[in-house]
């Protein structure tokens, strides 16, 4: 497991019992890292990593499959069920207090089957511009309203108009905002990102839901707007 609080910020640990993805997003940081080290990015299950959360004494916020997609193409259902089993085993700690809370992001919610979701797992969809919001509708249709659905606007690559959208569907329980990072970030002018981010934050504030704004939007958004509201 890796400590990621300085990079992902909204989680403390990353856990990757599954790695690799076939989605081929052009801005994917994980694919770039694997390419740099000449490693395959084909989906792969890692049995040696599966019990890592059980070795943590301190209750933690864990980003699961930060270099994969639990519901992506090439992910075998039995891999996911093994991951779910560990999540359930680490749901409650001593004196019945919450132990670990897990967060998983997907770009392919249409692939989520009807299956029992662990109570300590938050499921979110990543979106980059308005057209991606169809993923939220898919998530709402596949995952019951259990108070643990979230939206991650990262990287922000276009304009969003959400007020009318959320008048017609469920609102997320938590939201994350972040800018594009890495070698491609200069492709998107700061002024463009600023306009998109300011407009997006204005819409999200009206929804009256917690918002986590990543540090990479500092200098783009006014400091007083960089909120760090955490999903519990």
C-alpha atoms as a PDB file:
ATOM      1  CA  UNK A   1       0.000   0.000   0.000  1.00  0.00           C
ATOM      2  CA  UNK A   2       1.093   3.565  -0.636  1.00  0.00           C
ATOM      3  CA  UNK A   3       0.589   6.742   1.373  1.00  0.00           C
ATOM      4  CA  UNK A   4      -1.127   9.146  -1.026  1.00  0.00           C
ATOM      5  CA  UNK A   5      -2.419  12.001   1.130  1.00  0.00           C
ATOM      6  CA  UNK A   6      -0.031  14.467  -0.552  1.00  0.00           C
ATOM      7  CA  UNK A   7      -1.052  13.537  -4.093  1.00  0.00           C
ATOM      8  CA  UNK A   8      -4.620  12.236  -4.052  1.00  0.00           C
ATOM      9  CA  UNK A   9      -5.343  14.361  -0.920  1.00  0.00           C
ATOM     10  CA  UNK A  10      -8.865  13.073  -0.235  1.00  0.00           C
ATOM     11  CA  UNK A  11      -7.607   9.605   0.740  1.00  0.00           C
ATOM     12  CA  UNK A  12      -4.775   8.329   2.918  1.00  0.00           C
ATOM     13  CA  UNK A  13      -3.785   5.065   1.264  1.00  0.00           C
ATOM     14  CA  UNK A  14      -3.952   3.478  -2.162  1.00  0.00           C
ATOM     15  CA  UNK A  15      -4.536  -0.246  -2.501  1.00  0.00           C
ATOM     16  CA  UNK A  16      -4.033  -1.944  -5.852  1.00  0.00           C
ATOM     17  CA  UNK A  17      -4.877  -5.643  -5.698  1.00  0.00           C
ATOM     18  CA  UNK A  18      -5.779  -5.162  -9.374  1.00  0.00           C
ATOM     19  CA  UNK A  19      -3.713  -3.089 -11.784  1.00  0.00           C
ATOM     20  CA  UNK A  20      -4.046  -2.131 -15.425  1.00  0.00           C
ATOM     21  CA  UNK A  21      -6.871  -0.805 -17.548  1.00  0.00           C
ATOM     22  CA  UNK A  22      -8.057  -1.083 -21.162  1.00  0.00           C
ATOM     23  CA  UNK A  23      -9.878   2.264 -21.294  1.00  0.00           C
ATOM     24  CA  UNK A  24      -6.918   4.160 -22.853  1.00  0.00           C
ATOM     25  CA  UNK A  25      -7.752   7.669 -21.594  1.00  0.00           C
ATOM     26  CA  UNK A  26      -5.193  10.023 -23.231  1.00  0.00           C
ATOM     27  CA  UNK A  27      -4.511  11.832 -19.930  1.00  0.00           C
ATOM     28  CA  UNK A  28      -4.099   8.699 -17.759  1.00  0.00           C
ATOM     29  CA  UNK A  29      -1.251   9.237 -15.283  1.00  0.00           C
ATOM     30  CA  UNK A  30      -1.088   5.542 -14.352  1.00  0.00           C
ATOM     31  CA  UNK A  31      -0.584   4.320 -17.923  1.00  0.00           C
ATOM     32  CA  UNK A  32       2.218   6.867 -18.306  1.00  0.00           C
ATOM     33  CA  UNK A  33       3.976   5.580 -15.190  1.00  0.00           C
ATOM     34  CA  UNK A  34       3.716   1.968 -16.327  1.00  0.00           C
ATOM     35  CA  UNK A  35       5.008   2.883 -19.781  1.00  0.00           C
ATOM     36  CA  UNK A  36       7.949   4.749 -18.265  1.00  0.00           C
ATOM     37  CA  UNK A  37       8.984   1.637 -16.331  1.00  0.00           C
ATOM     38  CA  UNK A  38       8.273  -0.621 -19.331  1.00  0.00           C
ATOM     39  CA  UNK A  39       5.572  -2.540 -17.486  1.00  0.00           C
ATOM     40  CA  UNK A  40       2.428  -4.015 -18.990  1.00  0.00           C
ATOM     41  CA  UNK A  41      -0.809  -2.137 -18.296  1.00  0.00           C
ATOM     42  CA  UNK A  42      -3.035  -5.096 -19.062  1.00  0.00           C
ATOM     43  CA  UNK A  43      -5.477  -5.872 -16.204  1.00  0.00           C
ATOM     44  CA  UNK A  44      -3.816  -8.140 -13.662  1.00  0.00           C
ATOM     45  CA  UNK A  45      -4.765  -9.529 -10.247  1.00  0.00           C
ATOM     46  CA  UNK A  46      -2.135  -9.459  -7.473  1.00  0.00           C
ATOM     47  CA  UNK A  47      -2.855 -12.100  -4.787  1.00  0.00           C
ATOM     48  CA  UNK A  48       0.141 -10.940  -2.742  1.00  0.00           C
ATOM     49  CA  UNK A  49      -1.528  -7.547  -2.166  1.00  0.00           C
ATOM     50  CA  UNK A  50      -5.021  -8.703  -1.318  1.00  0.00           C
ATOM     51  CA  UNK A  51      -4.670  -8.749   2.487  1.00  0.00           C
ATOM     52  CA  UNK A  52      -2.788  -5.455   2.845  1.00  0.00           C
ATOM     53  CA  UNK A  53      -5.711  -3.539   4.444  1.00  0.00           C
ATOM     54  CA  UNK A  54      -5.936  -6.125   7.212  1.00  0.00           C
ATOM     55  CA  UNK A  55      -2.403  -5.266   8.313  1.00  0.00           C
ATOM     56  CA  UNK A  56      -3.339  -1.631   9.017  1.00  0.00           C
ATOM     57  CA  UNK A  57      -4.135  -0.932  12.649  1.00  0.00           C
ATOM     58  CA  UNK A  58      -5.304   2.636  12.103  1.00  0.00           C
ATOM     59  CA  UNK A  59      -8.691   3.124  10.419  1.00  0.00           C
ATOM     60  CA  UNK A  60      -7.933   4.582   6.980  1.00  0.00           C
ATOM     61  CA  UNK A  61      -9.534   6.128   3.915  1.00  0.00           C
ATOM     62  CA  UNK A  62      -8.400   3.852   1.094  1.00  0.00           C
ATOM     63  CA  UNK A  63      -8.524   4.569  -2.648  1.00  0.00           C
ATOM     64  CA  UNK A  64      -8.927   1.112  -4.154  1.00  0.00           C
ATOM     65  CA  UNK A  65      -7.592   0.379  -7.654  1.00  0.00           C
ATOM     66  CA  UNK A  66      -6.056   3.802  -8.207  1.00  0.00           C
ATOM     67  CA  UNK A  67      -4.285   2.340 -11.269  1.00  0.00           C
ATOM     68  CA  UNK A  68      -7.226   0.344 -12.568  1.00  0.00           C
ATOM     69  CA  UNK A  69     -11.034   0.277 -12.759  1.00  0.00           C
ATOM     70  CA  UNK A  70     -12.894  -2.307 -10.675  1.00  0.00           C
ATOM     71  CA  UNK A  71     -15.559  -2.535 -13.373  1.00  0.00           C
ATOM     72  CA  UNK A  72     -13.343  -2.082 -16.414  1.00  0.00           C
ATOM     73  CA  UNK A  73     -12.958  -4.383 -19.377  1.00  0.00           C
ATOM     74  CA  UNK A  74     -10.699  -7.320 -18.622  1.00  0.00           C
ATOM     75  CA  UNK A  75     -11.498  -7.314 -14.879  1.00  0.00           C
ATOM     76  CA  UNK A  76     -12.693 -10.765 -13.886  1.00  0.00           C
ATOM     77  CA  UNK A  77     -15.729 -10.864 -11.560  1.00  0.00           C
ATOM     78  CA  UNK A  78     -13.952 -13.260  -9.200  1.00  0.00           C
ATOM     79  CA  UNK A  79     -11.138 -10.699  -8.743  1.00  0.00           C
ATOM     80  CA  UNK A  80     -13.642  -8.064  -7.731  1.00  0.00           C
ATOM     81  CA  UNK A  81     -15.456 -10.399  -5.353  1.00  0.00           C
ATOM     82  CA  UNK A  82     -12.170 -11.231  -3.626  1.00  0.00           C
ATOM     83  CA  UNK A  83     -11.561  -7.491  -3.185  1.00  0.00           C
ATOM     84  CA  UNK A  84     -15.096  -7.056  -1.843  1.00  0.00           C
ATOM     85  CA  UNK A  85     -14.542  -9.870   0.667  1.00  0.00           C
ATOM     86  CA  UNK A  86     -11.556  -8.035   2.156  1.00  0.00           C
ATOM     87  CA  UNK A  87     -13.549  -4.791   2.315  1.00  0.00           C
ATOM     88  CA  UNK A  88     -16.258  -6.535   4.325  1.00  0.00           C
ATOM     89  CA  UNK A  89     -13.727  -8.111   6.675  1.00  0.00           C
ATOM     90  CA  UNK A  90     -12.275  -4.665   7.397  1.00  0.00           C
ATOM     91  CA  UNK A  91     -15.558  -2.831   7.837  1.00  0.00           C
ATOM     92  CA  UNK A  92     -15.710  -2.913  11.637  1.00  0.00           C
ATOM     93  CA  UNK A  93     -12.844  -2.511  14.068  1.00  0.00           C
ATOM     94  CA  UNK A  94     -12.568  -3.014  17.812  1.00  0.00           C
ATOM     95  CA  UNK A  95     -15.648  -1.947  19.792  1.00  0.00           C
ATOM     96  CA  UNK A  96     -17.633  -2.011  16.538  1.00  0.00           C
ATOM     97  CA  UNK A  97     -16.245   1.310  15.276  1.00  0.00           C
ATOM     98  CA  UNK A  98     -15.656   1.970  11.577  1.00  0.00           C
ATOM     99  CA  UNK A  99     -12.345   0.479  10.456  1.00  0.00           C
ATOM    100  CA  UNK A 100     -11.587   1.224   6.791  1.00  0.00           C
ATOM    101  CA  UNK A 101     -13.582   3.246   4.282  1.00  0.00           C
ATOM    102  CA  UNK A 102     -12.932   2.496   0.617  1.00  0.00           C
ATOM    103  CA  UNK A 103     -13.367   4.666  -2.468  1.00  0.00           C
ATOM    104  CA  UNK A 104     -13.481   3.385  -6.054  1.00  0.00           C
ATOM    105  CA  UNK A 105     -13.749   5.425  -9.235  1.00  0.00           C
ATOM    106  CA  UNK A 106     -15.010   4.120 -12.559  1.00  0.00           C
ATOM    107  CA  UNK A 107     -15.478   5.478 -16.052  1.00  0.00           C
ATOM    108  CA  UNK A 108     -17.539   2.435 -17.032  1.00  0.00           C
ATOM    109  CA  UNK A 109     -20.553   2.344 -14.693  1.00  0.00           C
ATOM    110  CA  UNK A 110     -22.564   0.618 -17.421  1.00  0.00           C
ATOM    111  CA  UNK A 111     -20.484  -2.467 -16.612  1.00  0.00           C
ATOM    112  CA  UNK A 112     -21.518  -2.582 -12.946  1.00  0.00           C
ATOM    113  CA  UNK A 113     -23.515  -5.804 -12.508  1.00  0.00           C
ATOM    114  CA  UNK A 114     -26.215  -6.442  -9.959  1.00  0.00           C
ATOM    115  CA  UNK A 115     -24.064  -7.455  -7.024  1.00  0.00           C
ATOM    116  CA  UNK A 116     -23.909  -6.823  -3.297  1.00  0.00           C
ATOM    117  CA  UNK A 117     -21.797  -3.734  -2.641  1.00  0.00           C
ATOM    118  CA  UNK A 118     -19.813  -3.629   0.655  1.00  0.00           C
ATOM    119  CA  UNK A 119     -21.301  -1.164   3.116  1.00  0.00           C
ATOM    120  CA  UNK A 120     -17.952   0.612   3.565  1.00  0.00           C
ATOM    121  CA  UNK A 121     -17.382   1.249  -0.159  1.00  0.00           C
ATOM    122  CA  UNK A 122     -18.073   4.581  -1.854  1.00  0.00           C
ATOM    123  CA  UNK A 123     -18.493   4.346  -5.631  1.00  0.00           C
ATOM    124  CA  UNK A 124     -17.858   7.348  -7.849  1.00  0.00           C
ATOM    125  CA  UNK A 125     -17.615   8.190 -11.522  1.00  0.00           C
ATOM    126  CA  UNK A 126     -14.910  10.341 -13.103  1.00  0.00           C
ATOM    127  CA  UNK A 127     -16.111  13.037 -15.501  1.00  0.00           C
ATOM    128  CA  UNK A 128     -14.146  15.644 -17.460  1.00  0.00           C
ATOM    129  CA  UNK A 129     -16.860  17.614 -19.292  1.00  0.00           C
ATOM    130  CA  UNK A 130     -20.640  17.795 -19.691  1.00  0.00           C
ATOM    131  CA  UNK A 131     -21.017  14.852 -22.063  1.00  0.00           C
ATOM    132  CA  UNK A 132     -19.498  12.556 -19.433  1.00  0.00           C
ATOM    133  CA  UNK A 133     -22.428  13.198 -17.078  1.00  0.00           C
ATOM    134  CA  UNK A 134     -24.198  10.248 -18.698  1.00  0.00           C
ATOM    135  CA  UNK A 135     -21.913   8.183 -16.454  1.00  0.00           C
ATOM    136  CA  UNK A 136     -23.643   9.605 -13.400  1.00  0.00           C
ATOM    137  CA  UNK A 137     -27.038   8.538 -14.740  1.00  0.00           C
ATOM    138  CA  UNK A 138     -25.632   5.040 -15.257  1.00  0.00           C
ATOM    139  CA  UNK A 139     -24.271   4.941 -11.718  1.00  0.00           C
ATOM    140  CA  UNK A 140     -27.597   6.059 -10.260  1.00  0.00           C
ATOM    141  CA  UNK A 141     -29.356   3.309 -12.203  1.00  0.00           C
ATOM    142  CA  UNK A 142     -26.896   0.606 -11.082  1.00  0.00           C
ATOM    143  CA  UNK A 143     -26.034   1.500  -7.474  1.00  0.00           C
ATOM    144  CA  UNK A 144     -28.797   2.006  -4.879  1.00  0.00           C
ATOM    145  CA  UNK A 145     -29.136   5.321  -3.056  1.00  0.00           C
ATOM    146  CA  UNK A 146     -27.054   4.264  -0.066  1.00  0.00           C
ATOM    147  CA  UNK A 147     -25.515   7.662   0.733  1.00  0.00           C
ATOM    148  CA  UNK A 148     -22.154   6.618  -0.768  1.00  0.00           C
ATOM    149  CA  UNK A 149     -22.178   7.772  -4.403  1.00  0.00           C
ATOM    150  CA  UNK A 150     -19.803  10.499  -5.517  1.00  0.00           C
ATOM    151  CA  UNK A 151     -18.669  12.500  -8.547  1.00  0.00           C
ATOM    152  CA  UNK A 152     -15.063  13.313  -9.392  1.00  0.00           C
ATOM    153  CA  UNK A 153     -14.611  16.248 -11.780  1.00  0.00           C
ATOM    154  CA  UNK A 154     -10.981  15.533 -12.632  1.00  0.00           C
ATOM    155  CA  UNK A 155      -9.338  16.528 -14.816  1.00  0.00           C
ATOM    156  CA  UNK A 156     -11.627  19.433 -15.692  1.00  0.00           C
ATOM    157  CA  UNK A 157     -11.358  19.611 -19.487  1.00  0.00           C
ATOM    158  CA  UNK A 158     -14.507  21.473 -20.425  1.00  0.00           C
ATOM    159  CA  UNK A 159     -17.599  23.385 -19.398  1.00  0.00           C
ATOM    160  CA  UNK A 160     -20.336  21.952 -17.152  1.00  0.00           C
ATOM    161  CA  UNK A 161     -23.931  23.077 -16.737  1.00  0.00           C
ATOM    162  CA  UNK A 162     -25.393  21.093 -13.869  1.00  0.00           C
ATOM    163  CA  UNK A 163     -28.307  22.867 -12.201  1.00  0.00           C
ATOM    164  CA  UNK A 164     -30.925  21.702 -14.709  1.00  0.00           C
ATOM    165  CA  UNK A 165     -29.216  18.328 -14.898  1.00  0.00           C
ATOM    166  CA  UNK A 166     -29.612  17.656 -11.175  1.00  0.00           C
ATOM    167  CA  UNK A 167     -33.208  18.843 -11.200  1.00  0.00           C
ATOM    168  CA  UNK A 168     -33.917  15.658 -13.135  1.00  0.00           C
ATOM    169  CA  UNK A 169     -31.837  13.071 -11.260  1.00  0.00           C
ATOM    170  CA  UNK A 170     -30.289  12.217  -7.902  1.00  0.00           C
ATOM    171  CA  UNK A 171     -27.605  14.460  -6.492  1.00  0.00           C
ATOM    172  CA  UNK A 172     -24.206  13.041  -5.498  1.00  0.00           C
ATOM    173  CA  UNK A 173     -23.389  12.579  -1.823  1.00  0.00           C
ATOM    174  CA  UNK A 174     -19.917  14.043  -2.299  1.00  0.00           C
ATOM    175  CA  UNK A 175     -17.949  15.802  -5.050  1.00  0.00           C
ATOM    176  CA  UNK A 176     -14.269  16.255  -5.921  1.00  0.00           C
ATOM    177  CA  UNK A 177     -12.742  18.853  -8.253  1.00  0.00           C
ATOM    178  CA  UNK A 178      -9.242  18.796  -9.755  1.00  0.00           C
ATOM    179  CA  UNK A 179      -7.228  20.151 -12.677  1.00  0.00           C
ATOM    180  CA  UNK A 180      -5.202  18.283 -15.286  1.00  0.00           C
ATOM    181  CA  UNK A 181      -1.665  17.513 -14.112  1.00  0.00           C
ATOM    182  CA  UNK A 182       1.416  16.110 -15.769  1.00  0.00           C
ATOM    183  CA  UNK A 183       3.094  16.850 -19.123  1.00  0.00           C
ATOM    184  CA  UNK A 184      -0.186  17.509 -20.973  1.00  0.00           C
ATOM    185  CA  UNK A 185      -1.452  20.225 -18.642  1.00  0.00           C
ATOM    186  CA  UNK A 186      -0.128  23.087 -20.797  1.00  0.00           C
ATOM    187  CA  UNK A 187      -2.456  21.967 -23.579  1.00  0.00           C
ATOM    188  CA  UNK A 188      -5.282  23.509 -21.579  1.00  0.00           C
ATOM    189  CA  UNK A 189      -4.797  27.217 -20.989  1.00  0.00           C
ATOM    190  CA  UNK A 190      -5.103  28.355 -17.376  1.00  0.00           C
ATOM    191  CA  UNK A 191      -7.722  30.921 -18.345  1.00  0.00           C
ATOM    192  CA  UNK A 192      -9.885  28.221 -19.878  1.00  0.00           C
ATOM    193  CA  UNK A 193      -9.536  26.027 -16.802  1.00  0.00           C
ATOM    194  CA  UNK A 194     -10.293  28.998 -14.559  1.00  0.00           C
ATOM    195  CA  UNK A 195     -13.544  29.741 -16.372  1.00  0.00           C
ATOM    196  CA  UNK A 196     -14.630  26.124 -16.317  1.00  0.00           C
ATOM    197  CA  UNK A 197     -13.690  25.642 -12.656  1.00  0.00           C
ATOM    198  CA  UNK A 198     -15.310  28.860 -11.391  1.00  0.00           C
ATOM    199  CA  UNK A 199     -18.551  28.052 -13.205  1.00  0.00           C
ATOM    200  CA  UNK A 200     -18.500  24.447 -12.002  1.00  0.00           C
ATOM    201  CA  UNK A 201     -17.886  25.389  -8.381  1.00  0.00           C
ATOM    202  CA  UNK A 202     -20.744  27.898  -8.530  1.00  0.00           C
ATOM    203  CA  UNK A 203     -23.135  25.184  -9.700  1.00  0.00           C
ATOM    204  CA  UNK A 204     -21.912  22.629  -7.163  1.00  0.00           C
ATOM    205  CA  UNK A 205     -22.272  25.029  -4.249  1.00  0.00           C
ATOM    206  CA  UNK A 206     -25.997  25.280  -4.939  1.00  0.00           C
ATOM    207  CA  UNK A 207     -26.386  21.509  -4.528  1.00  0.00           C
ATOM    208  CA  UNK A 208     -25.611  21.764  -0.795  1.00  0.00           C
ATOM    209  CA  UNK A 209     -23.314  18.734  -0.822  1.00  0.00           C
ATOM    210  CA  UNK A 210     -19.733  18.463   0.509  1.00  0.00           C
ATOM    211  CA  UNK A 211     -17.059  19.476  -2.025  1.00  0.00           C
ATOM    212  CA  UNK A 212     -13.348  18.650  -1.961  1.00  0.00           C
ATOM    213  CA  UNK A 213     -11.240  20.981  -4.133  1.00  0.00           C
ATOM    214  CA  UNK A 214      -7.746  19.641  -4.857  1.00  0.00           C
ATOM    215  CA  UNK A 215      -4.659  21.752  -4.334  1.00  0.00           C
ATOM    216  CA  UNK A 216      -3.922  21.816  -8.061  1.00  0.00           C
ATOM    217  CA  UNK A 217      -6.782  24.319  -8.422  1.00  0.00           C
ATOM    218  CA  UNK A 218      -5.040  26.800  -6.134  1.00  0.00           C
ATOM    219  CA  UNK A 219      -4.181  29.863  -8.175  1.00  0.00           C
ATOM    220  CA  UNK A 220      -7.084  29.053 -10.479  1.00  0.00           C
ATOM    221  CA  UNK A 221      -9.799  29.378  -7.832  1.00  0.00           C
ATOM    222  CA  UNK A 222      -9.636  31.975  -5.028  1.00  0.00           C
ATOM    223  CA  UNK A 223      -8.073  30.442  -1.904  1.00  0.00           C
ATOM    224  CA  UNK A 224     -11.256  30.910   0.119  1.00  0.00           C
ATOM    225  CA  UNK A 225     -13.054  28.695  -2.401  1.00  0.00           C
ATOM    226  CA  UNK A 226     -10.640  25.779  -2.021  1.00  0.00           C
ATOM    227  CA  UNK A 227     -12.762  23.733   0.379  1.00  0.00           C
ATOM    228  CA  UNK A 228     -11.678  20.384   1.826  1.00  0.00           C
ATOM    229  CA  UNK A 229     -14.962  18.784   2.793  1.00  0.00           C
ATOM    230  CA  UNK A 230     -14.524  15.053   3.334  1.00  0.00           C
ATOM    231  CA  UNK A 231     -17.086  12.320   2.813  1.00  0.00           C
ATOM    232  CA  UNK A 232     -17.663  10.360   6.025  1.00  0.00           C
END
